[in-house]
Amino acid sequence: MDFEELERDLPAAVTLQEAYRAAFYMVEQYISLEKNPDEGLILLLHYLDSDPARWEDWLLSVQRGLKDPETVDPHR
């Protein structure tokens, strides 16, 4: 399956909860693919799964991303 096909099968927008789960699964997937995953990523996954502050941190990150859309380009 190519990238265009993947994008075509996705909705144009997702909820904050869906985006959070996607970020969690992206980190989890990366860790599972690495032979010796970085300890920092393992700690990030643990944080995303268990830290009580994670939701507020996520909301602040979403707000920051909306205010500054040029900084991080996923296609670069």
Protein backbone atom coordinates (compact mmCIF):
# COMPACT_ATOMS: atom_id res chain seq x y z
CA MET A 1 0.00 0.00 0.00
CA ASP A 2 1.44 3.39 -0.95
CA PHE A 3 1.22 6.69 0.92
CA GLU A 4 -1.44 8.17 -1.36
CA GLU A 5 -3.66 5.15 -0.80
CA LEU A 6 -3.11 5.36 2.96
CA GLU A 7 -4.05 9.05 3.00
CA ARG A 8 -7.10 8.46 0.82
CA ASP A 9 -8.44 5.93 3.34
CA LEU A 10 -8.16 8.37 6.28
CA PRO A 11 -10.65 10.99 7.41
CA ALA A 12 -9.87 14.67 6.75
CA ALA A 13 -9.98 15.40 10.49
CA VAL A 14 -9.61 13.47 13.75
CA THR A 15 -10.57 14.24 17.33
CA LEU A 16 -8.02 15.16 19.96
CA GLN A 17 -8.42 11.70 21.48
CA GLU A 18 -7.89 9.98 18.12
CA ALA A 19 -4.79 12.08 17.45
CA TYR A 20 -3.43 11.23 20.91
CA ARG A 21 -3.94 7.52 20.31
CA ALA A 22 -2.22 7.86 16.92
CA ALA A 23 0.80 9.52 18.55
CA PHE A 24 0.89 6.77 21.19
CA TYR A 25 0.75 4.03 18.55
CA MET A 26 3.43 5.75 16.47
CA VAL A 27 5.86 5.72 19.40
CA GLU A 28 4.85 2.15 20.29
CA GLN A 29 5.37 1.02 16.69
CA TYR A 30 8.79 2.66 16.46
CA ILE A 31 9.91 1.00 19.69
CA SER A 32 8.69 -2.40 18.51
CA LEU A 33 10.63 -2.09 15.24
CA GLU A 34 13.93 -1.15 16.85
CA LYS A 35 16.33 -3.85 17.99
CA ASN A 36 17.60 -1.63 20.83
CA PRO A 37 15.06 1.17 21.27
CA ASP A 38 16.22 4.39 22.85
CA GLU A 39 15.47 4.54 26.57
CA GLY A 40 14.00 8.01 26.09
CA LEU A 41 11.36 6.65 23.72
CA ILE A 42 10.50 3.88 26.14
CA LEU A 43 10.06 6.49 28.86
CA LEU A 44 7.95 8.62 26.50
CA LEU A 45 5.66 5.67 25.82
CA HIS A 46 5.32 5.03 29.55
CA TYR A 47 4.53 8.73 30.08
CA LEU A 48 1.91 8.71 27.30
CA ASP A 49 0.29 5.68 28.90
CA SER A 50 0.35 6.57 32.57
CA ASP A 51 1.29 10.13 33.62
CA PRO A 52 -1.68 12.09 35.02
CA ALA A 53 -0.38 15.30 33.36
CA ARG A 54 -0.31 13.78 29.88
CA TRP A 55 -3.70 15.07 28.74
CA GLU A 56 -3.02 18.69 29.73
CA ASP A 57 0.44 18.45 28.13
CA TRP A 58 -1.18 17.06 24.97
CA LEU A 59 -3.71 19.90 24.81
CA LEU A 60 -0.95 22.49 25.25
CA SER A 61 1.04 20.82 22.47
CA VAL A 62 -1.98 20.84 20.14
CA GLN A 63 -2.51 24.55 20.84
CA ARG A 64 1.16 25.23 20.11
CA GLY A 65 0.98 23.28 16.86
CA LEU A 66 -2.08 25.21 15.74
CA LYS A 67 -0.42 28.55 16.47
CA ASP A 68 2.81 27.68 14.65
CA PRO A 69 1.99 25.41 11.69
CA GLU A 70 5.19 26.17 9.77
CA THR A 71 7.71 24.84 12.31
CA VAL A 72 7.21 21.10 11.87
CA ASP A 73 6.42 19.82 8.38
CA PRO A 74 5.58 16.09 8.25
CA HIS A 75 6.39 16.00 4.51
CA ARG A 76 9.90 17.42 4.85
